[in-house]
Amino acid sequence: MKKILLSQDENLSFKVSNELLPLDLQRLDLYFSLPVEMGISDSTLNLENYFYSSIRSNSAYYCEQMHLPLVRSRYISQTKGEKSDYRLNLNLYSYQIRLALETDIKQALKLKSPGEYYIKTVELADQIIILLKKLRRYTPSDSKLSSYFKNADNYLSWHVEQSFLQLLAKAPKSGEHAAEREYLFDVCRVENEYRSDNQYNSKITLEDPNRITNKMRLLQRLIEYGVVFRKETRNLNINLKRLVRGGVTAIVMAFVMALVLNARSTFTEVTLFLVALLGVIYGLREIFKEDLTTLIWRVIQRGRPKWLNTFTNSVSQQRMTSQRVWLEFIKPSELPERVNKLFNKRRQQNKQAAHLLHFRSETKVEAKEFLPGYDEIQQQIIFNLTPFVRYLRKGKGKLYELEGQKVIQQSVERRYQINMVVVQTDKDQNQKLQRFKITLNRSEIINIEAMTPDENELEN
């Protein structure tokens, strides 16, 4: 069982990634310990709204050893196979280039030595030039296929230019590698001129950074067709909720009608008192119907899966994976024993009153085999914490220090800490546990730290 990867996504979001094999079954449990001072509870956070607005899941083919030299040449010509095969192979090739380039650039940015850094970046430039040449070796004449090619070619050219400009912007300072820097600049210029010569983007689009960025995001989604699976979400409890609401209404109405008939038999004439009494009875009906419905619904839905995500291959329409999702606030007594032990490993000053939020996803891979070259599916769940910071205090505090005869004043921001335990369970009921500490303020996640418990606490 592979260990999950938890990493920051954007300013106030993080993602949980794990890999799945054919016919695999895996369950992920995330237990959030939310300090009471953050103001997050079942009375302030609507879990259904939070699921639809702030939790995203995606699933796609995945290859662990994805680097530029290992990109497979899946590109085929128009004369081979069906048109759908052409688009799928083109997208696979483009998608692999994007992922491999992003992987290698992340590794290059970790290098601190200017010599190693520029050797690595020049090597990447040589490899990406070869891959782009393979892509452009054949341009289909069919107008429909040509549009697929232009979209992929436009996006990859732009993405390559942006990637190497990023490498140049973040390069270690050195005056001894002017030739290497000029070579990388030439790669960027060539790609920019290539898009201009092919008139891939209008002048208006190029002059607006927002328009060109949004266009490239759209092209990125287009090349994910057939590789990233299409998701459909279904509420599993909507019919049960209707049944509960109808049943409670029937019970309350029967009780109310009994009271009304009893009142009519007691008062033979219509009087002001009778009208007032009937008004009170119907008023109590509305009050108790809503409260009773809410109470019964909370009891019935507790512990039940609430949503079902199905992921389908856009080309073959084959269902690849299905994912059942739970989301609810729980009591401390409902924490599993091993999870509770991990939470108790916190230092004494960090053990503060908190509300517990439990997220569970149970993913089943229904496909028996994947496309050639892919042995795994990567499942990603992205959590946006923006609703969590809604009630946090604004502003910054002051810290005063004495230096000699002077008082130094420094601005400090208020930070909050969310503790989280992730439990990973495979189809053989083997488990891995890991505790994370998420530090954030009102505008961003400051740090995500994986705590390192004893090995006996990590696996079972």
Foldseek 3Di string as FASTA:
>chain_A
DDDWDWAADDFFKIKIKDWAFFQWKKKKKKKWWFFVLLVDDVVQDPVVVQCVPFKDKWKFFDDPPQALVPQDQLADAPVDDDLLSNLLSLLSSLVSVLVNLVVLLVVLLVDQDLVSNLVSLVVNLVSVVVSLCSLVVDQHPPPVSNVSSLLSNLLSLVSLLVSLVVSVVSHHDDPPPPVSNVVSVVSNVVSVVVCVVVVSDDPVQVVDPVSVVVSSVVSNVSSCAQGMFDKDKDWPCPVVLVVLLVVLLVVLVVVLVVVLVVLCVVDVDDDPVNVVVNVVSVVVSVVCSVVVSVVVVCVVCVPPFTMKMWTARNSVRHTFKIKTKDKDWDDPVPDPPLVVVVVVVDDPVPPHRTTMIMMMMMMTTNDNDDDPPTRIMMMMMMGRCLSSNPSPDDDWDWDWDDDPPDIDIDTGHDKDKMKMKMWMQIPVRKIFIWIWIWIDHNGGTPDIGTDDDDPVSGID
